[in-house]
């Protein structure tokens, strides 16, 4: 069963910035799932659950879309991988049964945030880990004056951290974003410190991070503080950028303003056709 490209759910035919962002998150999660029982909540197309199953003991992919679950079951068939229909507030799993929960770009699609956190706590073991990400409303929506029609309630960074911290004693917050620049690193791999810098012909300076981190990711636990090194996901997505702009044009064509403009210009196009006939 092929999934419709609605412009929001990542599908494996995409080769763009969204792909890079999502794969980077799953790379991070992959470092915490070896030998573990894992829940990928809002598993979508299923590629992420499949990636996690290569290291995990067992992975459950749960999504509210029956269509997505059927697609995932047909495309990704592993002995340690199972796809189930469910939601963030009604997860079809037992209490205290998960070692790790992964939830990427999910919470902004609904406004039942407290209920989602409570449900994650219910199925997560006492020493379990939650790895969760969401767009930062400041950089994703406010600054670019963008409104994603698929998002119901976006969070600012402090709101996101406040929400997760209410349910987990230990939270490590990371910022994520696409950037272009030069990456300089030690050839032997022994130096792991990362310094961010920028500038122009008049000034060079050190900065705390990239200038537009569109996403926030939290690694949370009630047993210990869990950290992961700063990481860079390398992907030559020059061709993907073209796909990205195609994706934005696709979204534009589906927007109410585009449809209204097209409707209002219909008489003009008809007159032009008549005069050229």
Protein backbone atom coordinates (compact mmCIF):
# COMPACT_ATOMS: atom_id res chain seq x y z
CA UNK A 1 0.00 0.00 0.00
CA UNK A 2 1.54 3.30 -1.13
CA UNK A 3 1.18 6.30 1.18
CA UNK A 4 -0.12 9.62 -0.09
CA UNK A 5 2.45 12.40 -0.10
CA UNK A 6 0.60 14.97 1.97
CA UNK A 7 3.69 17.12 2.38
CA UNK A 8 4.00 16.45 6.12
CA UNK A 9 4.71 12.75 6.69
CA UNK A 10 8.26 11.84 5.66
CA UNK A 11 8.33 9.09 3.05
CA UNK A 12 11.45 7.33 1.81
CA UNK A 13 11.23 8.79 -1.70
CA UNK A 14 12.15 12.19 -0.25
CA UNK A 15 15.73 13.44 -0.52
CA UNK A 16 15.68 16.80 1.20
CA UNK A 17 16.34 18.71 4.43
CA UNK A 18 13.44 16.97 6.20
CA UNK A 19 15.07 13.62 5.47
CA UNK A 20 18.40 14.81 6.90
CA UNK A 21 16.75 16.14 10.06
CA UNK A 22 14.78 12.95 10.70
CA UNK A 23 17.63 10.54 9.97
CA UNK A 24 19.87 12.51 12.32
CA UNK A 25 17.33 12.07 15.11
CA UNK A 26 17.08 8.35 14.51
CA UNK A 27 20.87 8.14 14.55
CA UNK A 28 20.81 9.64 18.05
CA UNK A 29 18.07 7.25 19.18
CA UNK A 30 19.90 4.28 17.70
CA UNK A 31 22.67 4.76 20.25
CA UNK A 32 20.27 4.03 23.14
CA UNK A 33 18.26 1.04 21.90
CA UNK A 34 20.71 -1.86 21.72
CA UNK A 35 19.04 -4.90 23.30
CA UNK A 36 16.08 -2.76 24.40
CA UNK A 37 12.32 -2.93 23.89
CA UNK A 38 11.41 0.26 22.03
CA UNK A 39 8.28 2.22 21.16
CA UNK A 40 8.32 4.51 18.12
CA UNK A 41 5.17 6.55 18.69
CA UNK A 42 3.74 8.16 15.53
CA UNK A 43 5.87 5.83 13.41
CA UNK A 44 4.46 7.14 10.12
CA UNK A 45 5.91 5.46 7.05
CA UNK A 46 7.79 2.99 9.28
CA UNK A 47 11.36 3.59 8.12
CA UNK A 48 12.43 4.82 11.58
CA UNK A 49 11.04 1.81 13.43
CA UNK A 50 12.79 -0.40 10.90
CA UNK A 51 16.11 1.37 11.52
CA UNK A 52 15.73 0.99 15.29
CA UNK A 53 14.94 -2.73 14.93
CA UNK A 54 18.45 -3.37 13.58
CA UNK A 55 19.84 -2.85 17.10
CA UNK A 56 16.87 -3.18 19.45
CA UNK A 57 15.57 -6.38 20.97
CA UNK A 58 12.05 -5.50 19.83
CA UNK A 59 10.38 -2.41 18.33
CA UNK A 60 6.72 -1.40 18.32
CA UNK A 61 5.73 1.21 15.74
CA UNK A 62 2.45 2.88 16.70
CA UNK A 63 0.56 5.35 14.53
CA UNK A 64 -2.95 6.77 14.50
CA UNK A 65 -3.22 6.25 10.73
CA UNK A 66 -4.51 2.81 9.75
CA UNK A 67 -3.23 3.48 6.23
CA UNK A 68 0.29 4.14 7.53
CA UNK A 69 0.25 1.01 9.69
CA UNK A 70 -0.87 -1.17 6.77
CA UNK A 71 1.88 0.29 4.61
CA UNK A 72 4.51 -0.30 7.31
CA UNK A 73 3.42 -3.90 7.85
CA UNK A 74 3.75 -4.63 4.16
CA UNK A 75 7.06 -2.81 3.61
CA UNK A 76 8.99 -3.59 6.80
CA UNK A 77 8.76 -7.20 7.91
CA UNK A 78 11.16 -8.16 10.70
CA UNK A 79 10.80 -10.77 13.44
CA UNK A 80 11.47 -8.12 16.09
CA UNK A 81 9.24 -5.40 14.60
CA UNK A 82 5.50 -4.94 15.02
CA UNK A 83 3.21 -2.11 13.86
CA UNK A 84 0.03 -1.24 15.78
CA UNK A 85 -2.73 1.30 15.38
CA UNK A 86 -2.93 3.67 18.32
CA UNK A 87 -2.46 7.28 19.42
CA UNK A 88 -0.27 9.28 21.77
CA UNK A 89 -3.00 9.21 24.41
CA UNK A 90 -4.04 5.60 23.82
CA UNK A 91 -0.92 3.47 23.32
CA UNK A 92 -1.84 -0.22 22.86
CA UNK A 93 0.93 -1.51 25.14
CA UNK A 94 1.18 -2.75 28.73
CA UNK A 95 2.23 -0.67 31.74
CA UNK A 96 5.98 -0.44 32.43
CA UNK A 97 6.83 -2.43 29.29
CA UNK A 98 9.13 -0.11 27.27
CA UNK A 99 12.83 0.59 27.78
CA UNK A 100 12.93 3.47 25.28
CA UNK A 101 10.24 5.66 23.72
CA UNK A 102 11.03 7.64 20.57
CA UNK A 103 8.70 10.42 19.45
CA UNK A 104 9.88 12.67 16.63
CA UNK A 105 7.79 15.57 15.32
CA UNK A 106 4.60 14.32 16.97
CA UNK A 107 3.51 16.49 19.86
CA UNK A 108 2.92 19.59 17.72
CA UNK A 109 0.20 17.74 15.78
CA UNK A 110 -2.21 17.76 18.74
CA UNK A 111 -2.92 19.75 21.88
CA UNK A 112 -3.17 16.87 24.36
CA UNK A 113 0.40 17.33 25.57
CA UNK A 114 -0.12 16.52 29.23
CA UNK A 115 -2.07 13.39 28.34
CA UNK A 116 0.70 12.27 25.98
CA UNK A 117 3.34 12.65 28.69
CA UNK A 118 1.20 10.70 31.14
CA UNK A 119 0.68 7.90 28.63
CA UNK A 120 4.41 7.72 27.87
CA UNK A 121 5.11 7.42 31.60
CA UNK A 122 2.54 4.64 31.88
CA UNK A 123 4.17 2.36 29.30
CA UNK A 124 7.77 3.34 30.12
CA UNK A 125 9.79 1.38 32.69
CA UNK A 126 10.96 3.28 35.78
CA UNK A 127 14.50 3.52 34.39
CA UNK A 128 13.32 4.05 30.81
CA UNK A 129 14.32 6.81 28.39
CA UNK A 130 12.18 9.20 26.37
CA UNK A 131 13.73 10.78 23.26
CA UNK A 132 11.38 13.41 21.91
CA UNK A 133 11.63 16.28 19.43
CA UNK A 134 9.44 19.10 18.17
CA UNK A 135 9.81 22.33 16.17
CA UNK A 136 10.84 25.45 18.06
CA UNK A 137 7.97 27.86 17.43
CA UNK A 138 10.32 30.85 17.42
CA UNK A 139 12.54 29.68 14.57
CA UNK A 140 10.09 27.39 12.78
CA UNK A 141 7.06 29.71 12.66
CA UNK A 142 7.52 33.17 14.18
CA UNK A 143 10.66 34.41 12.44
CA UNK A 144 9.85 33.06 8.94
CA UNK A 145 6.14 33.99 9.37
CA UNK A 146 5.19 30.44 8.52
CA UNK A 147 2.06 28.54 9.55
CA UNK A 148 2.07 24.77 9.13
CA UNK A 149 -1.53 23.66 8.52
CA UNK A 150 -0.75 20.23 9.99
CA UNK A 151 0.34 21.63 13.36
CA UNK A 152 -2.17 22.22 16.13
CA UNK A 153 -0.02 23.44 19.02
CA UNK A 154 3.64 24.30 18.63
CA UNK A 155 5.91 25.02 21.60
CA UNK A 156 8.68 27.47 22.32
CA UNK A 157 11.88 25.92 23.66
CA UNK A 158 11.19 26.87 27.28
CA UNK A 159 7.63 25.51 27.05
CA UNK A 160 8.86 22.21 25.65
CA UNK A 161 11.47 21.81 28.36
CA UNK A 162 8.98 22.82 31.05
CA UNK A 163 6.47 20.23 29.84
CA UNK A 164 8.89 17.29 29.75
CA UNK A 165 10.58 18.33 33.01
CA UNK A 166 7.22 18.12 34.75
CA UNK A 167 7.24 14.34 34.21
CA UNK A 168 10.96 13.49 34.06
CA UNK A 169 13.59 14.40 36.67
CA UNK A 170 16.49 14.49 34.22
CA UNK A 171 16.22 16.27 30.85
CA UNK A 172 18.99 17.13 28.40
CA UNK A 173 17.94 19.63 25.73
CA UNK A 174 19.51 19.77 22.26
CA UNK A 175 18.99 22.26 19.43
CA UNK A 176 18.88 21.04 15.81
CA UNK A 177 18.89 22.79 12.47
CA UNK A 178 20.18 22.66 8.92
CA UNK A 179 23.16 24.88 8.19
CA UNK A 180 25.69 25.38 5.41
CA UNK A 181 29.32 25.94 6.27
CA UNK A 182 32.74 24.40 6.67
CA UNK A 183 33.32 21.46 8.99
CA UNK A 184 36.88 21.08 10.35
CA UNK A 185 37.68 18.00 12.43
CA UNK A 186 40.67 16.00 13.71
CA UNK A 187 41.68 13.26 11.31
CA UNK A 188 42.41 10.72 14.04
CA UNK A 189 39.07 11.32 15.77
CA UNK A 190 40.67 11.93 19.17
CA UNK A 191 39.49 15.53 19.51
CA UNK A 192 35.75 15.63 20.08
CA UNK A 193 35.13 19.20 21.30
CA UNK A 194 32.96 21.30 18.99
CA UNK A 195 33.33 25.06 18.50
CA UNK A 196 30.78 27.06 16.52
CA UNK A 197 32.00 30.13 14.68
CA UNK A 198 30.91 32.58 12.01
CA UNK A 199 31.82 35.94 10.54
CA UNK A 200 32.56 37.95 7.42
CA UNK A 201 35.47 39.90 5.92
CA UNK A 202 35.33 42.40 8.77
CA UNK A 203 34.86 40.20 11.81
CA UNK A 204 35.23 36.60 13.00
CA UNK A 205 33.58 35.36 16.17
CA UNK A 206 32.63 32.34 18.24
CA UNK A 207 28.91 31.62 18.73
CA UNK A 208 27.00 29.25 21.02
CA UNK A 209 25.40 27.29 18.18
CA UNK A 210 23.79 27.69 14.78
CA UNK A 211 21.70 30.80 14.19
CA UNK A 212 18.37 29.13 13.33
CA UNK A 213 17.83 25.87 15.25
CA UNK A 214 14.34 25.01 14.01
CA UNK A 215 13.95 21.93 16.23
CA UNK A 216 14.46 20.94 19.85
CA UNK A 217 15.19 17.43 21.08
CA UNK A 218 15.10 16.21 24.67
CA UNK A 219 16.56 13.03 26.13
CA UNK A 220 14.63 12.44 29.36
CA UNK A 221 14.80 9.91 32.16
CA UNK A 222 13.71 9.53 35.78
CA UNK A 223 16.77 7.50 36.75
CA UNK A 224 19.80 9.47 35.52
CA UNK A 225 21.00 12.37 33.37
CA UNK A 226 21.66 11.10 29.86
CA UNK A 227 23.78 13.01 27.36
CA UNK A 228 25.07 12.48 23.86
CA UNK A 229 27.93 14.36 22.12
CA UNK A 230 27.25 17.18 19.71
CA UNK A 231 26.79 15.48 16.35
CA UNK A 232 26.88 16.36 12.66
CA UNK A 233 24.86 14.34 10.16
CA UNK A 234 26.66 14.56 6.80
CA UNK A 235 24.54 14.34 3.70
CA UNK A 236 25.17 15.96 0.36
CA UNK A 237 21.63 17.13 -0.28
CA UNK A 238 22.21 19.53 -3.15
CA UNK A 239 19.81 17.48 -5.24
CA UNK A 240 17.60 17.23 -2.20
CA UNK A 241 17.34 21.00 -2.02
CA UNK A 242 15.62 20.94 -5.38
CA UNK A 243 13.20 18.39 -3.97
CA UNK A 244 12.72 20.63 -0.95
CA UNK A 245 11.61 23.53 -3.12
CA UNK A 246 9.35 21.18 -5.06
CA UNK A 247 7.89 20.16 -1.70
CA UNK A 248 7.31 23.80 -0.73
CA UNK A 249 5.63 24.46 -4.08
CA UNK A 250 3.43 21.41 -3.49
CA UNK A 251 2.39 22.80 -0.12
CA UNK A 252 1.82 26.24 -1.65
CA UNK A 253 -0.49 24.81 -4.29
CA UNK A 254 -2.60 23.20 -1.56
CA UNK A 255 -2.87 26.39 0.50
CA UNK A 256 -6.19 28.30 0.63
CA UNK A 257 -4.53 31.53 -0.57
CA UNK A 258 -3.11 29.83 -3.67
CA UNK A 259 -6.46 28.25 -4.48
CA UNK A 260 -8.25 31.58 -3.99
CA UNK A 261 -5.78 33.37 -6.24
CA UNK A 262 -6.18 30.71 -8.90
CA UNK A 263 -9.97 31.06 -8.70
CA UNK A 264 -9.84 34.87 -8.97
CA UNK A 265 -7.55 34.70 -12.00
CA UNK A 266 -9.76 32.24 -13.86
CA UNK A 267 -11.71 34.98 -15.75
CA UNK A 268 -8.43 36.62 -16.80
CA UNK A 269 -7.12 33.34 -18.20
CA UNK A 270 -10.39 32.77 -20.08
CA UNK A 271 -10.28 36.24 -21.64
CA UNK A 272 -6.65 35.76 -22.61
CA UNK A 273 -7.55 32.45 -24.24
CA UNK A 274 -10.40 34.08 -26.18
CA UNK A 275 -8.24 36.96 -27.46
CA UNK A 276 -5.47 34.53 -28.51
CA UNK A 277 -7.88 32.18 -30.26
